[in-house]
Amino acid sequence: MKAKRLVAWKVRRLRVERGLTQEALALSAEVDMSHLANLEIERANPTIEFLEQLTDVLGVHISELFRPFPEGAKKPTPLRKGRKLLGKENSRKSTS
């Protein structure tokens, strides 16, 4: 698997596992949400600094983004609608 795809999938999987929306992760990591979205759909080439900001919030070492998935692993699934709404409500509370 190419590094760009691997990093995109890992960021998305870690974000979803933690119940974070793209908006919540971007706000917590102090990064641009559109850049995060483009990373997850494999349209962005992130800097090391950008990845470090994300992994600090996700609670993993940056090297985790480059560890291969097991053979046959599927693309991470999106959050369920109810959890997305909850994430947006939480991010609003933290900004007030």
PDB file of N, CA and C in Angstrom:
ATOM      1  N   MET A   1       0.845  -1.171   0.000  1.00  0.00           N
ATOM      2  CA  MET A   1       0.000   0.000   0.000  1.00  0.00           C
ATOM      3  C   MET A   1       0.895   1.240   0.000  1.00  0.00           C
ATOM      4  N   LYS A   2       0.527   2.214  -0.783  1.00  0.00           N
ATOM      5  CA  LYS A   2       1.299   3.451  -0.860  1.00  0.00           C
ATOM      6  C   LYS A   2       1.175   4.242   0.436  1.00  0.00           C
ATOM      7  N   ALA A   3       2.224   4.982   0.763  1.00  0.00           N
ATOM      8  CA  ALA A   3       2.282   5.733   2.023  1.00  0.00           C
ATOM      9  C   ALA A   3       1.137   6.728   2.152  1.00  0.00           C
ATOM     10  N   LYS A   4       0.802   7.415   1.078  1.00  0.00           N
ATOM     11  CA  LYS A   4      -0.275   8.413   1.122  1.00  0.00           C
ATOM     12  C   LYS A   4      -1.601   7.772   1.530  1.00  0.00           C
ATOM     13  N   ARG A   5      -1.901   6.636   0.940  1.00  0.00           N
ATOM     14  CA  ARG A   5      -3.143   5.923   1.269  1.00  0.00           C
ATOM     15  C   ARG A   5      -3.089   5.389   2.696  1.00  0.00           C
ATOM     16  N   LEU A   6      -1.965   4.850   3.077  1.00  0.00           N
ATOM     17  CA  LEU A   6      -1.809   4.295   4.418  1.00  0.00           C
ATOM     18  C   LEU A   6      -2.036   5.365   5.484  1.00  0.00           C
ATOM     19  N   VAL A   7      -1.407   6.523   5.317  1.00  0.00           N
ATOM     20  CA  VAL A   7      -1.564   7.610   6.284  1.00  0.00           C
ATOM     21  C   VAL A   7      -3.018   8.084   6.309  1.00  0.00           C
ATOM     22  N   ALA A   8      -3.626   8.231   5.151  1.00  0.00           N
ATOM     23  CA  ALA A   8      -5.025   8.673   5.080  1.00  0.00           C
ATOM     24  C   ALA A   8      -5.931   7.707   5.829  1.00  0.00           C
ATOM     25  N   TRP A   9      -5.766   6.423   5.586  1.00  0.00           N
ATOM     26  CA  TRP A   9      -6.601   5.419   6.240  1.00  0.00           C
ATOM     27  C   TRP A   9      -6.351   5.377   7.741  1.00  0.00           C
ATOM     28  N   LYS A  10      -5.085   5.492   8.131  1.00  0.00           N
ATOM     29  CA  LYS A  10      -4.766   5.429   9.562  1.00  0.00           C
ATOM     30  C   LYS A  10      -5.354   6.615  10.318  1.00  0.00           C
ATOM     31  N   VAL A  11      -5.214   7.805   9.762  1.00  0.00           N
ATOM     32  CA  VAL A  11      -5.776   8.988  10.424  1.00  0.00           C
ATOM     33  C   VAL A  11      -7.287   8.829  10.563  1.00  0.00           C
ATOM     34  N   ARG A  12      -7.931   8.424   9.482  1.00  0.00           N
ATOM     35  CA  ARG A  12      -9.391   8.254   9.538  1.00  0.00           C
ATOM     36  C   ARG A  12      -9.781   7.187  10.549  1.00  0.00           C
ATOM     37  N   ARG A  13      -9.106   6.052  10.529  1.00  0.00           N
ATOM     38  CA  ARG A  13      -9.439   4.961  11.451  1.00  0.00           C
ATOM     39  C   ARG A  13      -9.260   5.402  12.906  1.00  0.00           C
ATOM     40  N   LEU A  14      -8.145   6.057  13.202  1.00  0.00           N
ATOM     41  CA  LEU A  14      -7.899   6.518  14.572  1.00  0.00           C
ATOM     42  C   LEU A  14      -8.932   7.559  14.997  1.00  0.00           C
ATOM     43  N   ARG A  15      -9.270   8.456  14.092  1.00  0.00           N
ATOM     44  CA  ARG A  15     -10.259   9.489  14.389  1.00  0.00           C
ATOM     45  C   ARG A  15     -11.624   8.873  14.688  1.00  0.00           C
ATOM     46  N   VAL A  16     -12.039   7.942  13.852  1.00  0.00           N
ATOM     47  CA  VAL A  16     -13.341   7.292  14.020  1.00  0.00           C
ATOM     48  C   VAL A  16     -13.355   6.448  15.293  1.00  0.00           C
ATOM     49  N   GLU A  17     -12.273   5.716  15.563  1.00  0.00           N
ATOM     50  CA  GLU A  17     -12.196   4.907  16.785  1.00  0.00           C
ATOM     51  C   GLU A  17     -12.364   5.757  18.040  1.00  0.00           C
ATOM     52  N   ARG A  18     -11.921   6.999  17.961  1.00  0.00           N
ATOM     53  CA  ARG A  18     -12.018   7.883  19.117  1.00  0.00           C
ATOM     54  C   ARG A  18     -13.312   8.698  19.122  1.00  0.00           C
ATOM     55  N   GLY A  19     -14.162   8.464  18.120  1.00  0.00           N
ATOM     56  CA  GLY A  19     -15.453   9.139  18.058  1.00  0.00           C
ATOM     57  C   GLY A  19     -15.353  10.621  17.734  1.00  0.00           C
ATOM     58  N   LEU A  20     -14.299  11.015  17.030  1.00  0.00           N
ATOM     59  CA  LEU A  20     -14.104  12.419  16.680  1.00  0.00           C
ATOM     60  C   LEU A  20     -14.570  12.706  15.267  1.00  0.00           C
ATOM     61  N   THR A  21     -15.218  13.829  15.077  1.00  0.00           N
ATOM     62  CA  THR A  21     -15.524  14.302  13.730  1.00  0.00           C
ATOM     63  C   THR A  21     -14.260  14.940  13.173  1.00  0.00           C
ATOM     64  N   GLN A  22     -14.247  15.169  11.874  1.00  0.00           N
ATOM     65  CA  GLN A  22     -13.121  15.886  11.284  1.00  0.00           C
ATOM     66  C   GLN A  22     -13.020  17.275  11.911  1.00  0.00           C
ATOM     67  N   GLU A  23     -14.157  17.901  12.128  1.00  0.00           N
ATOM     68  CA  GLU A  23     -14.176  19.228  12.728  1.00  0.00           C
ATOM     69  C   GLU A  23     -13.560  19.210  14.135  1.00  0.00           C
ATOM     70  N   ALA A  24     -13.948  18.242  14.947  1.00  0.00           N
ATOM     71  CA  ALA A  24     -13.433  18.158  16.315  1.00  0.00           C
ATOM     72  C   ALA A  24     -11.928  17.905  16.328  1.00  0.00           C
ATOM     73  N   LEU A  25     -11.456  17.007  15.466  1.00  0.00           N
ATOM     74  CA  LEU A  25     -10.015  16.729  15.406  1.00  0.00           C
ATOM     75  C   LEU A  25      -9.256  17.961  14.920  1.00  0.00           C
ATOM     76  N   ALA A  26      -9.770  18.606  13.887  1.00  0.00           N
ATOM     77  CA  ALA A  26      -9.101  19.791  13.353  1.00  0.00           C
ATOM     78  C   ALA A  26      -9.022  20.899  14.401  1.00  0.00           C
ATOM     79  N   LEU A  27     -10.118  21.119  15.123  1.00  0.00           N
ATOM     80  CA  LEU A  27     -10.109  22.153  16.163  1.00  0.00           C
ATOM     81  C   LEU A  27      -9.123  21.818  17.275  1.00  0.00           C
ATOM     82  N   SER A  28      -9.139  20.581  17.722  1.00  0.00           N
ATOM     83  CA  SER A  28      -8.238  20.168  18.805  1.00  0.00           C
ATOM     84  C   SER A  28      -6.778  20.228  18.391  1.00  0.00           C
ATOM     85  N   ALA A  29      -6.498  19.876  17.140  1.00  0.00           N
ATOM     86  CA  ALA A  29      -5.118  19.863  16.645  1.00  0.00           C
ATOM     87  C   ALA A  29      -4.686  21.230  16.111  1.00  0.00           C
ATOM     88  N   GLU A  30      -5.632  22.158  16.065  1.00  0.00           N
ATOM     89  CA  GLU A  30      -5.372  23.500  15.540  1.00  0.00           C
ATOM     90  C   GLU A  30      -4.852  23.454  14.101  1.00  0.00           C
ATOM     91  N   VAL A  31      -5.576  22.668  13.269  1.00  0.00           N
ATOM     92  CA  VAL A  31      -5.251  22.564  11.849  1.00  0.00           C
ATOM     93  C   VAL A  31      -6.494  22.914  11.038  1.00  0.00           C
ATOM     94  N   ASP A  32      -6.286  23.173   9.772  1.00  0.00           N
ATOM     95  CA  ASP A  32      -7.383  23.497   8.877  1.00  0.00           C
ATOM     96  C   ASP A  32      -8.206  22.247   8.569  1.00  0.00           C
ATOM     97  N   MET A  33      -9.523  22.350   8.763  1.00  0.00           N
ATOM     98  CA  MET A  33     -10.384  21.192   8.557  1.00  0.00           C
ATOM     99  C   MET A  33     -10.378  20.720   7.100  1.00  0.00           C
ATOM    100  N   SER A  34     -10.308  21.644   6.156  1.00  0.00           N
ATOM    101  CA  SER A  34     -10.308  21.222   4.751  1.00  0.00           C
ATOM    102  C   SER A  34      -9.034  20.449   4.411  1.00  0.00           C
ATOM    103  N   HIS A  35      -7.918  20.816   5.036  1.00  0.00           N
ATOM    104  CA  HIS A  35      -6.677  20.070   4.799  1.00  0.00           C
ATOM    105  C   HIS A  35      -6.785  18.661   5.386  1.00  0.00           C
ATOM    106  N   LEU A  36      -7.402  18.550   6.562  1.00  0.00           N
ATOM    107  CA  LEU A  36      -7.628  17.237   7.167  1.00  0.00           C
ATOM    108  C   LEU A  36      -8.536  16.397   6.277  1.00  0.00           C
ATOM    109  N   ALA A  37      -9.616  16.991   5.786  1.00  0.00           N
ATOM    110  CA  ALA A  37     -10.536  16.267   4.897  1.00  0.00           C
ATOM    111  C   ALA A  37      -9.809  15.802   3.639  1.00  0.00           C
ATOM    112  N   ASN A  38      -8.983  16.676   3.070  1.00  0.00           N
ATOM    113  CA  ASN A  38      -8.224  16.298   1.873  1.00  0.00           C
ATOM    114  C   ASN A  38      -7.208  15.204   2.167  1.00  0.00           C
ATOM    115  N   LEU A  39      -6.640  15.222   3.356  1.00  0.00           N
ATOM    116  CA  LEU A  39      -5.730  14.139   3.751  1.00  0.00           C
ATOM    117  C   LEU A  39      -6.472  12.807   3.759  1.00  0.00           C
ATOM    118  N   GLU A  40      -7.657  12.793   4.358  1.00  0.00           N
ATOM    119  CA  GLU A  40      -8.411  11.540   4.487  1.00  0.00           C
ATOM    120  C   GLU A  40      -8.907  10.999   3.155  1.00  0.00           C
ATOM    121  N   ILE A  41      -9.047  11.853   2.149  1.00  0.00           N
ATOM    122  CA  ILE A  41      -9.464  11.354   0.829  1.00  0.00           C
ATOM    123  C   ILE A  41      -8.283  11.292  -0.141  1.00  0.00           C
ATOM    124  N   GLU A  42      -7.086  11.333   0.438  1.00  0.00           N
ATOM    125  CA  GLU A  42      -5.842  11.135  -0.301  1.00  0.00           C
ATOM    126  C   GLU A  42      -5.563  12.218  -1.339  1.00  0.00           C
ATOM    127  N   ARG A  43      -5.997  13.434  -1.061  1.00  0.00           N
ATOM    128  CA  ARG A  43      -5.728  14.551  -1.970  1.00  0.00           C
ATOM    129  C   ARG A  43      -4.667  15.498  -1.433  1.00  0.00           C
ATOM    130  N   ALA A  44      -4.232  15.303  -0.194  1.00  0.00           N
ATOM    131  CA  ALA A  44      -3.246  16.204   0.412  1.00  0.00           C
ATOM    132  C   ALA A  44      -1.952  15.458   0.704  1.00  0.00           C
ATOM    133  N   ASN A  45      -0.864  16.197   0.636  1.00  0.00           N
ATOM    134  CA  ASN A  45       0.444  15.694   1.054  1.00  0.00           C
ATOM    135  C   ASN A  45       0.815  16.456   2.327  1.00  0.00           C
ATOM    136  N   PRO A  46       0.553  15.847   3.479  1.00  0.00           N
ATOM    137  CA  PRO A  46       0.754  16.570   4.731  1.00  0.00           C
ATOM    138  C   PRO A  46       2.231  16.709   5.104  1.00  0.00           C
ATOM    139  N   THR A  47       2.508  17.740   5.867  1.00  0.00           N
ATOM    140  CA  THR A  47       3.859  17.919   6.410  1.00  0.00           C
ATOM    141  C   THR A  47       3.987  17.066   7.675  1.00  0.00           C
ATOM    142  N   ILE A  48       5.218  16.861   8.098  1.00  0.00           N
ATOM    143  CA  ILE A  48       5.464  16.138   9.348  1.00  0.00           C
ATOM    144  C   ILE A  48       4.832  16.892  10.512  1.00  0.00           C
ATOM    145  N   GLU A  49       4.950  18.206  10.499  1.00  0.00           N
ATOM    146  CA  GLU A  49       4.358  19.017  11.563  1.00  0.00           C
ATOM    147  C   GLU A  49       2.841  18.814  11.639  1.00  0.00           C
ATOM    148  N   PHE A  50       2.182  18.798  10.492  1.00  0.00           N
ATOM    149  CA  PHE A  50       0.730  18.580  10.439  1.00  0.00           C
ATOM    150  C   PHE A  50       0.374  17.214  11.038  1.00  0.00           C
ATOM    151  N   LEU A  51       1.121  16.181  10.648  1.00  0.00           N
ATOM    152  CA  LEU A  51       0.863  14.839  11.166  1.00  0.00           C
ATOM    153  C   LEU A  51       1.127  14.768  12.670  1.00  0.00           C
ATOM    154  N   GLU A  52       2.155  15.458  13.138  1.00  0.00           N
ATOM    155  CA  GLU A  52       2.446  15.474  14.576  1.00  0.00           C
ATOM    156  C   GLU A  52       1.309  16.134  15.358  1.00  0.00           C
ATOM    157  N   GLN A  53       0.743  17.198  14.811  1.00  0.00           N
ATOM    158  CA  GLN A  53      -0.378  17.862  15.481  1.00  0.00           C
ATOM    159  C   GLN A  53      -1.563  16.901  15.596  1.00  0.00           C
ATOM    160  N   LEU A  54      -1.823  16.144  14.540  1.00  0.00           N
ATOM    161  CA  LEU A  54      -2.932  15.183  14.568  1.00  0.00           C
ATOM    162  C   LEU A  54      -2.651  14.055  15.551  1.00  0.00           C
ATOM    163  N   THR A  55      -1.450  13.489  15.487  1.00  0.00           N
ATOM    164  CA  THR A  55      -1.152  12.339  16.348  1.00  0.00           C
ATOM    165  C   THR A  55      -1.072  12.721  17.818  1.00  0.00           C
ATOM    166  N   ASP A  56      -0.715  13.969  18.110  1.00  0.00           N
ATOM    167  CA  ASP A  56      -0.735  14.425  19.504  1.00  0.00           C
ATOM    168  C   ASP A  56      -2.158  14.346  20.056  1.00  0.00           C
ATOM    169  N   VAL A  57      -3.116  14.785  19.277  1.00  0.00           N
ATOM    170  CA  VAL A  57      -4.524  14.753  19.705  1.00  0.00           C
ATOM    171  C   VAL A  57      -5.044  13.317  19.723  1.00  0.00           C
ATOM    172  N   LEU A  58      -4.636  12.523  18.749  1.00  0.00           N
ATOM    173  CA  LEU A  58      -5.111  11.138  18.660  1.00  0.00           C
ATOM    174  C   LEU A  58      -4.437  10.221  19.688  1.00  0.00           C
ATOM    175  N   GLY A  59      -3.365  10.708  20.302  1.00  0.00           N
ATOM    176  CA  GLY A  59      -2.704   9.950  21.357  1.00  0.00           C
ATOM    177  C   GLY A  59      -1.844   8.794  20.878  1.00  0.00           C
ATOM    178  N   VAL A  60      -1.260   8.940  19.697  1.00  0.00           N
ATOM    179  CA  VAL A  60      -0.369   7.905  19.170  1.00  0.00           C
ATOM    180  C   VAL A  60       0.923   8.555  18.686  1.00  0.00           C
ATOM    181  N   HIS A  61       1.958   7.759  18.557  1.00  0.00           N
ATOM    182  CA  HIS A  61       3.216   8.235  17.986  1.00  0.00           C
ATOM    183  C   HIS A  61       3.041   8.335  16.475  1.00  0.00           C
ATOM    184  N   ILE A  62       3.707   9.284  15.866  1.00  0.00           N
ATOM    185  CA  ILE A  62       3.583   9.496  14.423  1.00  0.00           C
ATOM    186  C   ILE A  62       3.914   8.231  13.616  1.00  0.00           C
ATOM    187  N   SER A  63       4.792   7.389  14.145  1.00  0.00           N
ATOM    188  CA  SER A  63       5.164   6.160  13.428  1.00  0.00           C
ATOM    189  C   SER A  63       3.970   5.230  13.217  1.00  0.00           C
ATOM    190  N   GLU A  64       2.959   5.349  14.077  1.00  0.00           N
ATOM    191  CA  GLU A  64       1.759   4.509  13.939  1.00  0.00           C
ATOM    192  C   GLU A  64       1.070   4.735  12.595  1.00  0.00           C
ATOM    193  N   LEU A  65       1.188   5.933  12.044  1.00  0.00           N
ATOM    194  CA  LEU A  65       0.543   6.242  10.768  1.00  0.00           C
ATOM    195  C   LEU A  65       1.167   5.492   9.596  1.00  0.00           C
ATOM    196  N   PHE A  66       2.375   4.966   9.801  1.00  0.00           N
ATOM    197  CA  PHE A  66       3.090   4.303   8.710  1.00  0.00           C
ATOM    198  C   PHE A  66       3.179   2.789   8.870  1.00  0.00           C
ATOM    199  N   ARG A  67       2.577   2.263   9.912  1.00  0.00           N
ATOM    200  CA  ARG A  67       2.572   0.808  10.097  1.00  0.00           C
ATOM    201  C   ARG A  67       1.508   0.188   9.209  1.00  0.00           C
ATOM    202  N   PRO A  68       1.869  -0.840   8.460  1.00  0.00           N
ATOM    203  CA  PRO A  68       0.916  -1.438   7.523  1.00  0.00           C
ATOM    204  C   PRO A  68      -0.268  -2.094   8.226  1.00  0.00           C
ATOM    205  N   PHE A  69      -1.384  -2.089   7.514  1.00  0.00           N
ATOM    206  CA  PHE A  69      -2.569  -2.816   7.960  1.00  0.00           C
ATOM    207  C   PHE A  69      -2.371  -4.291   7.663  1.00  0.00           C
ATOM    208  N   PRO A  70      -3.096  -5.152   8.363  1.00  0.00           N
ATOM    209  CA  PRO A  70      -3.059  -6.572   8.009  1.00  0.00           C
ATOM    210  C   PRO A  70      -3.558  -6.771   6.577  1.00  0.00           C
ATOM    211  N   GLU A  71      -3.100  -7.821   5.955  1.00  0.00           N
ATOM    212  CA  GLU A  71      -3.509  -8.148   4.589  1.00  0.00           C
ATOM    213  C   GLU A  71      -5.027  -8.220   4.489  1.00  0.00           C
ATOM    214  N   GLY A  72      -5.595  -7.551   3.492  1.00  0.00           N
ATOM    215  CA  GLY A  72      -7.034  -7.591   3.251  1.00  0.00           C
ATOM    216  C   GLY A  72      -7.855  -6.630   4.095  1.00  0.00           C
ATOM    217  N   ALA A  73      -7.208  -5.746   4.846  1.00  0.00           N
ATOM    218  CA  ALA A  73      -7.943  -4.780   5.677  1.00  0.00           C
ATOM    219  C   ALA A  73      -8.777  -3.867   4.788  1.00  0.00           C
ATOM    220  N   LYS A  74      -9.967  -3.534   5.268  1.00  0.00           N
ATOM    221  CA  LYS A  74     -10.871  -2.690   4.498  1.00  0.00           C
ATOM    222  C   LYS A  74     -10.757  -1.240   4.933  1.00  0.00           C
ATOM    223  N   LYS A  75     -11.201  -0.343   4.044  1.00  0.00           N
ATOM    224  CA  LYS A  75     -11.189   1.085   4.313  1.00  0.00           C
ATOM    225  C   LYS A  75     -12.023   1.382   5.555  1.00  0.00           C
ATOM    226  N   PRO A  76     -11.560   2.261   6.419  1.00  0.00           N
ATOM    227  CA  PRO A  76     -12.310   2.595   7.630  1.00  0.00           C
ATOM    228  C   PRO A  76     -13.698   3.142   7.293  1.00  0.00           C
ATOM    229  N   THR A  77     -14.657   2.816   8.118  1.00  0.00           N
ATOM    230  CA  THR A  77     -16.022   3.282   7.897  1.00  0.00           C
ATOM    231  C   THR A  77     -16.221   4.641   8.560  1.00  0.00           C
ATOM    232  N   PRO A  78     -17.170   5.427   8.045  1.00  0.00           N
ATOM    233  CA  PRO A  78     -17.445   6.724   8.668  1.00  0.00           C
ATOM    234  C   PRO A  78     -18.194   6.558   9.981  1.00  0.00           C
ATOM    235  N   LEU A  79     -18.237   7.620  10.762  1.00  0.00           N
ATOM    236  CA  LEU A  79     -19.015   7.605  11.994  1.00  0.00           C
ATOM    237  C   LEU A  79     -20.501   7.503  11.675  1.00  0.00           C
ATOM    238  N   ARG A  80     -21.251   6.921  12.608  1.00  0.00           N
ATOM    239  CA  ARG A  80     -22.705   6.910  12.451  1.00  0.00           C
ATOM    240  C   ARG A  80     -23.211   8.336  12.621  1.00  0.00           C
ATOM    241  N   LYS A  81     -24.368   8.615  12.030  1.00  0.00           N
ATOM    242  CA  LYS A  81     -24.902   9.977  12.056  1.00  0.00           C
ATOM    243  C   LYS A  81     -25.062  10.512  13.464  1.00  0.00           C
ATOM    244  N   GLY A  82     -25.561   9.739  14.384  1.00  0.00           N
ATOM    245  CA  GLY A  82     -25.781  10.211  15.744  1.00  0.00           C
ATOM    246  C   GLY A  82     -24.493  10.620  16.422  1.00  0.00           C
ATOM    247  N   ARG A  83     -23.425   9.890  16.168  1.00  0.00           N
ATOM    248  CA  ARG A  83     -22.137  10.213  16.780  1.00  0.00           C
ATOM    249  C   ARG A  83     -21.553  11.472  16.153  1.00  0.00           C
ATOM    250  N   LYS A  84     -21.804  11.699  14.849  1.00  0.00           N
ATOM    251  CA  LYS A  84     -21.322  12.916  14.213  1.00  0.00           C
ATOM    252  C   LYS A  84     -21.953  14.132  14.882  1.00  0.00           C
ATOM    253  N   LEU A  85     -23.247  14.063  15.122  1.00  0.00           N
ATOM    254  CA  LEU A  85     -23.957  15.163  15.744  1.00  0.00           C
ATOM    255  C   LEU A  85     -23.412  15.407  17.145  1.00  0.00           C
ATOM    256  N   LEU A  86     -23.173  14.343  17.875  1.00  0.00           N
ATOM    257  CA  LEU A  86     -22.633  14.470  19.219  1.00  0.00           C
ATOM    258  C   LEU A  86     -21.273  15.152  19.177  1.00  0.00           C
ATOM    259  N   GLY A  87     -20.442  14.791  18.217  1.00  0.00           N
ATOM    260  CA  GLY A  87     -19.131  15.408  18.087  1.00  0.00           C
ATOM    261  C   GLY A  87     -19.234  16.896  17.806  1.00  0.00           C
ATOM    262  N   LYS A  88     -20.207  17.302  16.979  1.00  0.00           N
ATOM    263  CA  LYS A  88     -20.393  18.717  16.682  1.00  0.00           C
ATOM    264  C   LYS A  88     -20.860  19.466  17.922  1.00  0.00           C
ATOM    265  N   GLU A  89     -21.745  18.855  18.695  1.00  0.00           N
ATOM    266  CA  GLU A  89     -22.221  19.499  19.913  1.00  0.00           C
ATOM    267  C   GLU A  89     -21.069  19.685  20.887  1.00  0.00           C
ATOM    268  N   ASN A  90     -20.219  18.675  21.002  1.00  0.00           N
ATOM    269  CA  ASN A  90     -19.077  18.765  21.914  1.00  0.00           C
ATOM    270  C   ASN A  90     -18.109  19.855  21.492  1.00  0.00           C
ATOM    271  N   SER A  91     -17.884  19.995  20.175  1.00  0.00           N
ATOM    272  CA  SER A  91     -16.940  21.006  19.720  1.00  0.00           C
ATOM    273  C   SER A  91     -17.509  22.409  19.937  1.00  0.00           C
ATOM    274  N   ARG A  92     -18.828  22.567  19.858  1.00  0.00           N
ATOM    275  CA  ARG A  92     -19.451  23.865  20.131  1.00  0.00           C
ATOM    276  C   ARG A  92     -19.300  24.235  21.594  1.00  0.00           C
ATOM    277  N   LYS A  93     -19.468  23.247  22.474  1.00  0.00           N
ATOM    278  CA  LYS A  93     -19.353  23.506  23.908  1.00  0.00           C
ATOM    279  C   LYS A  93     -17.946  23.957  24.265  1.00  0.00           C
ATOM    280  N   SER A  94     -16.949  23.355  23.620  1.00  0.00           N
ATOM    281  CA  SER A  94     -15.566  23.663  23.975  1.00  0.00           C
ATOM    282  C   SER A  94     -15.141  25.039  23.481  1.00  0.00           C
ATOM    283  N   THR A  95     -15.867  25.601  22.501  1.00  0.00           N
ATOM    284  CA  THR A  95     -15.497  26.908  21.977  1.00  0.00           C
ATOM    285  C   THR A  95     -16.231  28.035  22.692  1.00  0.00           C
ATOM    286  N   SER A  96     -17.227  27.698  23.531  1.00  0.00           N
ATOM    287  CA  SER A  96     -17.973  28.765  24.183  1.00  0.00           C
ATOM    288  C   SER A  96     -17.375  29.174  25.501  1.00  0.00           C
TER     289      SER A  96
END
